[in-house]
Amino acid sequence: MVTPAARRSVPESAQRLFADLGLLVFIAIIRLTAGPHAVEALEKNGGRYLASVFAAGAIVTMVPVACGALFARRILKMNPMMMLGGLAGLSRAPQA
């Protein structure tokens, strides 16, 4: 357990770096363990199945960004640069 005194002795930027590295290593391990299953599914179901999974992933990725853009621009009347900055941040948050 980290005591409050020890936490103060480590700079905040170093704490954030280690937190981000831990998250990236976790995501990398998950992706590496999923790889063989993807190859197995491709061999079992063919390329059409892989294409449908890819298309579904593309839709799931683009729909929230498109909805957010429409909501921010039409409902909230946001400045386009502020809106694009927020949407770029939305797509770069792996823990979300």
N, C-alpha and C. Protein backbone atom coordinates (compact mmCIF):
# COMPACT_ATOMS: atom_id res chain seq x y z
N MET A 1 0.84 -1.17 0.00
CA MET A 1 0.00 0.00 0.00
C MET A 1 0.88 1.24 0.00
N VAL A 2 0.51 2.22 -0.79
CA VAL A 2 1.31 3.45 -0.89
C VAL A 2 0.80 4.44 0.14
N THR A 3 1.72 4.90 0.96
CA THR A 3 1.36 5.88 1.98
C THR A 3 1.27 7.26 1.34
N PRO A 4 0.52 8.17 1.94
CA PRO A 4 0.43 9.54 1.38
C PRO A 4 1.79 10.22 1.29
N ALA A 5 2.69 9.96 2.25
CA ALA A 5 4.01 10.59 2.19
C ALA A 5 4.80 10.07 0.99
N ALA A 6 4.71 8.77 0.69
CA ALA A 6 5.41 8.20 -0.46
C ALA A 6 4.81 8.72 -1.76
N ARG A 7 3.52 8.92 -1.79
CA ARG A 7 2.86 9.42 -3.00
C ARG A 7 3.33 10.83 -3.32
N ARG A 8 3.57 11.64 -2.30
CA ARG A 8 4.04 13.01 -2.53
C ARG A 8 5.47 13.03 -3.04
N SER A 9 6.27 12.01 -2.72
CA SER A 9 7.66 12.02 -3.14
C SER A 9 7.84 11.65 -4.61
N VAL A 10 6.85 11.02 -5.22
CA VAL A 10 6.91 10.68 -6.63
C VAL A 10 6.18 11.77 -7.41
N PRO A 11 6.85 12.37 -8.40
CA PRO A 11 6.20 13.44 -9.17
C PRO A 11 4.91 12.95 -9.84
N GLU A 12 3.97 13.86 -9.98
CA GLU A 12 2.68 13.51 -10.56
C GLU A 12 2.82 13.00 -12.00
N SER A 13 3.75 13.60 -12.75
CA SER A 13 3.95 13.16 -14.13
C SER A 13 4.44 11.72 -14.18
N ALA A 14 5.28 11.31 -13.23
CA ALA A 14 5.75 9.93 -13.19
C ALA A 14 4.60 8.99 -12.81
N GLN A 15 3.74 9.42 -11.90
CA GLN A 15 2.58 8.60 -11.52
C GLN A 15 1.67 8.38 -12.72
N ARG A 16 1.44 9.46 -13.50
CA ARG A 16 0.60 9.33 -14.69
C ARG A 16 1.24 8.43 -15.74
N LEU A 17 2.57 8.55 -15.88
CA LEU A 17 3.28 7.71 -16.84
C LEU A 17 3.12 6.24 -16.49
N PHE A 18 3.31 5.88 -15.23
CA PHE A 18 3.17 4.48 -14.83
C PHE A 18 1.73 3.99 -14.96
N ALA A 19 0.77 4.85 -14.67
CA ALA A 19 -0.64 4.45 -14.83
C ALA A 19 -0.94 4.19 -16.31
N ASP A 20 -0.45 5.06 -17.20
CA ASP A 20 -0.68 4.88 -18.63
C ASP A 20 0.04 3.64 -19.15
N LEU A 21 1.26 3.41 -18.70
CA LEU A 21 1.99 2.22 -19.12
C LEU A 21 1.28 0.94 -18.67
N GLY A 22 0.78 0.94 -17.46
CA GLY A 22 0.04 -0.22 -16.97
C GLY A 22 -1.19 -0.50 -17.81
N LEU A 23 -1.91 0.56 -18.16
CA LEU A 23 -3.10 0.40 -18.99
C LEU A 23 -2.72 -0.11 -20.39
N LEU A 24 -1.65 0.43 -20.96
CA LEU A 24 -1.22 -0.01 -22.29
C LEU A 24 -0.77 -1.47 -22.29
N VAL A 25 -0.07 -1.89 -21.26
CA VAL A 25 0.35 -3.29 -21.17
C VAL A 25 -0.87 -4.20 -21.04
N PHE A 26 -1.83 -3.79 -20.24
CA PHE A 26 -3.07 -4.58 -20.09
C PHE A 26 -3.78 -4.74 -21.44
N ILE A 27 -3.92 -3.64 -22.17
CA ILE A 27 -4.60 -3.69 -23.47
C ILE A 27 -3.81 -4.56 -24.45
N ALA A 28 -2.49 -4.44 -24.43
CA ALA A 28 -1.66 -5.26 -25.33
C ALA A 28 -1.82 -6.74 -25.03
N ILE A 29 -1.87 -7.11 -23.77
CA ILE A 29 -2.03 -8.53 -23.41
C ILE A 29 -3.38 -9.04 -23.88
N ILE A 30 -4.41 -8.26 -23.68
CA ILE A 30 -5.75 -8.68 -24.12
C ILE A 30 -5.76 -8.87 -25.63
N ARG A 31 -5.17 -7.95 -26.36
CA ARG A 31 -5.17 -8.05 -27.83
C ARG A 31 -4.34 -9.24 -28.30
N LEU A 32 -3.22 -9.51 -27.65
CA LEU A 32 -2.40 -10.65 -28.05
C LEU A 32 -3.10 -11.98 -27.80
N THR A 33 -3.86 -12.06 -26.72
CA THR A 33 -4.57 -13.32 -26.45
C THR A 33 -5.77 -13.50 -27.36
N ALA A 34 -6.29 -12.40 -27.91
CA ALA A 34 -7.44 -12.51 -28.82
C ALA A 34 -7.02 -12.86 -30.24
N GLY A 35 -5.77 -12.64 -30.60
CA GLY A 35 -5.29 -12.88 -31.96
C GLY A 35 -5.50 -14.30 -32.46
N PRO A 36 -5.07 -15.32 -31.73
CA PRO A 36 -5.28 -16.69 -32.22
C PRO A 36 -6.75 -17.05 -32.44
N HIS A 37 -7.62 -16.49 -31.64
CA HIS A 37 -9.06 -16.76 -31.80
C HIS A 37 -9.57 -16.14 -33.10
N ALA A 38 -9.01 -14.99 -33.48
CA ALA A 38 -9.42 -14.35 -34.73
C ALA A 38 -9.00 -15.20 -35.92
N VAL A 39 -7.79 -15.74 -35.87
CA VAL A 39 -7.31 -16.59 -36.97
C VAL A 39 -8.16 -17.87 -37.04
N GLU A 40 -8.48 -18.43 -35.89
CA GLU A 40 -9.32 -19.63 -35.85
C GLU A 40 -10.70 -19.35 -36.43
N ALA A 41 -11.28 -18.20 -36.10
CA ALA A 41 -12.60 -17.84 -36.63
C ALA A 41 -12.54 -17.62 -38.13
N LEU A 42 -11.43 -17.05 -38.61
CA LEU A 42 -11.28 -16.84 -40.05
C LEU A 42 -11.20 -18.17 -40.79
N GLU A 43 -10.43 -19.10 -40.25
CA GLU A 43 -10.31 -20.41 -40.89
C GLU A 43 -11.63 -21.18 -40.84
N LYS A 44 -12.37 -21.03 -39.76
CA LYS A 44 -13.62 -21.78 -39.59
C LYS A 44 -14.76 -21.18 -40.40
N ASN A 45 -14.88 -19.85 -40.39
CA ASN A 45 -16.05 -19.20 -40.99
C ASN A 45 -15.78 -18.50 -42.31
N GLY A 46 -14.54 -18.31 -42.67
CA GLY A 46 -14.22 -17.68 -43.95
C GLY A 46 -14.10 -16.16 -43.87
N GLY A 47 -13.73 -15.59 -44.99
CA GLY A 47 -13.48 -14.16 -45.08
C GLY A 47 -14.74 -13.31 -44.95
N ARG A 48 -15.87 -13.86 -45.32
CA ARG A 48 -17.11 -13.08 -45.23
C ARG A 48 -17.44 -12.76 -43.78
N TYR A 49 -17.20 -13.70 -42.90
CA TYR A 49 -17.44 -13.48 -41.47
C TYR A 49 -16.50 -12.39 -40.94
N LEU A 50 -15.23 -12.47 -41.32
CA LEU A 50 -14.26 -11.47 -40.88
C LEU A 50 -14.64 -10.09 -41.40
N ALA A 51 -15.11 -10.01 -42.64
CA ALA A 51 -15.54 -8.74 -43.21
C ALA A 51 -16.74 -8.18 -42.46
N SER A 52 -17.67 -9.05 -42.06
CA SER A 52 -18.84 -8.56 -41.32
C SER A 52 -18.45 -8.07 -39.93
N VAL A 53 -17.49 -8.74 -39.29
CA VAL A 53 -17.01 -8.29 -37.98
C VAL A 53 -16.30 -6.95 -38.13
N PHE A 54 -15.50 -6.81 -39.18
CA PHE A 54 -14.81 -5.54 -39.44
C PHE A 54 -15.81 -4.41 -39.68
N ALA A 55 -16.84 -4.68 -40.47
CA ALA A 55 -17.87 -3.67 -40.76
C ALA A 55 -18.61 -3.28 -39.50
N ALA A 56 -18.94 -4.27 -38.67
CA ALA A 56 -19.63 -3.96 -37.41
C ALA A 56 -18.74 -3.11 -36.51
N GLY A 57 -17.45 -3.40 -36.46
CA GLY A 57 -16.53 -2.60 -35.67
C GLY A 57 -16.43 -1.18 -36.19
N ALA A 58 -16.42 -1.02 -37.50
CA ALA A 58 -16.37 0.32 -38.09
C ALA A 58 -17.62 1.11 -37.75
N ILE A 59 -18.77 0.46 -37.80
CA ILE A 59 -20.02 1.14 -37.47
C ILE A 59 -20.04 1.54 -36.00
N VAL A 60 -19.65 0.62 -35.13
CA VAL A 60 -19.65 0.90 -33.69
C VAL A 60 -18.67 2.02 -33.36
N THR A 61 -17.60 2.15 -34.13
CA THR A 61 -16.62 3.21 -33.90
C THR A 61 -17.11 4.55 -34.43
N MET A 62 -17.76 4.57 -35.58
CA MET A 62 -18.13 5.83 -36.21
C MET A 62 -19.45 6.42 -35.73
N VAL A 63 -20.39 5.59 -35.33
CA VAL A 63 -21.71 6.10 -34.95
C VAL A 63 -21.64 7.04 -33.73
N PRO A 64 -20.93 6.70 -32.64
CA PRO A 64 -20.88 7.65 -31.52
C PRO A 64 -20.22 8.98 -31.89
N VAL A 65 -19.19 8.94 -32.73
CA VAL A 65 -18.53 10.17 -33.14
C VAL A 65 -19.47 11.01 -34.00
N ALA A 66 -20.17 10.37 -34.92
CA ALA A 66 -21.12 11.11 -35.77
C ALA A 66 -22.26 11.69 -34.95
N CYS A 67 -22.79 10.91 -34.02
CA CYS A 67 -23.86 11.41 -33.15
C CYS A 67 -23.37 12.57 -32.29
N GLY A 68 -22.17 12.43 -31.76
CA GLY A 68 -21.59 13.51 -30.95
C GLY A 68 -21.37 14.76 -31.76
N ALA A 69 -20.91 14.61 -33.01
CA ALA A 69 -20.70 15.77 -33.87
C ALA A 69 -22.02 16.47 -34.18
N LEU A 70 -23.03 15.69 -34.53
CA LEU A 70 -24.34 16.29 -34.82
C LEU A 70 -24.93 16.97 -33.59
N PHE A 71 -24.84 16.33 -32.45
CA PHE A 71 -25.38 16.92 -31.22
C PHE A 71 -24.63 18.20 -30.85
N ALA A 72 -23.30 18.16 -30.94
CA ALA A 72 -22.51 19.34 -30.56
C ALA A 72 -22.75 20.50 -31.52
N ARG A 73 -22.86 20.21 -32.79
CA ARG A 73 -23.01 21.29 -33.77
C ARG A 73 -24.44 21.81 -33.84
N ARG A 74 -25.42 20.92 -33.88
CA ARG A 74 -26.81 21.36 -34.09
C ARG A 74 -27.50 21.78 -32.79
N ILE A 75 -27.33 21.00 -31.72
CA ILE A 75 -28.04 21.28 -30.48
C ILE A 75 -27.28 22.28 -29.62
N LEU A 76 -25.99 22.02 -29.41
CA LEU A 76 -25.19 22.88 -28.53
C LEU A 76 -24.60 24.08 -29.24
N LYS A 77 -24.64 24.10 -30.56
CA LYS A 77 -24.10 25.20 -31.37
C LYS A 77 -22.64 25.49 -31.03
N MET A 78 -21.85 24.43 -30.92
CA MET A 78 -20.44 24.58 -30.55
C MET A 78 -19.61 25.08 -31.72
N ASN A 79 -18.52 25.75 -31.37
CA ASN A 79 -17.51 26.16 -32.33
C ASN A 79 -16.93 24.88 -32.96
N PRO A 80 -16.77 24.83 -34.28
CA PRO A 80 -16.28 23.59 -34.91
C PRO A 80 -14.92 23.13 -34.39
N MET A 81 -14.02 24.05 -34.07
CA MET A 81 -12.71 23.64 -33.56
C MET A 81 -12.82 23.01 -32.18
N MET A 82 -13.65 23.57 -31.32
CA MET A 82 -13.86 22.99 -29.99
C MET A 82 -14.52 21.62 -30.11
N MET A 83 -15.47 21.51 -31.02
CA MET A 83 -16.17 20.25 -31.23
C MET A 83 -15.20 19.17 -31.72
N LEU A 84 -14.36 19.51 -32.70
CA LEU A 84 -13.41 18.54 -33.22
C LEU A 84 -12.38 18.14 -32.17
N GLY A 85 -11.98 19.07 -31.32
CA GLY A 85 -11.06 18.74 -30.24
C GLY A 85 -11.68 17.75 -29.27
N GLY A 86 -12.93 17.97 -28.93
CA GLY A 86 -13.63 17.04 -28.04
C GLY A 86 -13.81 15.67 -28.66
N LEU A 87 -14.14 15.64 -29.95
CA LEU A 87 -14.33 14.36 -30.63
C LEU A 87 -13.01 13.62 -30.79
N ALA A 88 -11.92 14.36 -31.00
CA ALA A 88 -10.61 13.71 -31.08
C ALA A 88 -10.23 13.10 -29.73
N GLY A 89 -10.54 13.79 -28.66
CA GLY A 89 -10.30 13.24 -27.32
C GLY A 89 -11.15 12.03 -27.04
N LEU A 90 -12.37 12.05 -27.55
CA LEU A 90 -13.28 10.90 -27.38
C LEU A 90 -12.71 9.65 -28.02
N SER A 91 -12.13 9.80 -29.19
CA SER A 91 -11.64 8.62 -29.90
C SER A 91 -10.26 8.17 -29.42
N ARG A 92 -9.61 8.93 -28.56
CA ARG A 92 -8.28 8.58 -28.09
C ARG A 92 -8.27 8.06 -26.65
N ALA A 93 -9.41 7.79 -26.08
CA ALA A 93 -9.48 7.32 -24.69
C ALA A 93 -9.65 5.81 -24.67
N PRO A 94 -8.56 5.03 -24.56
CA PRO A 94 -8.70 3.59 -24.62
C PRO A 94 -9.43 2.99 -23.43
N GLN A 95 -9.41 3.67 -22.31
CA GLN A 95 -10.09 3.12 -21.13
C GLN A 95 -11.59 3.38 -21.18
N ALA A 96 -12.05 4.19 -22.11
CA ALA A 96 -13.49 4.50 -22.14
C ALA A 96 -14.29 3.40 -22.72
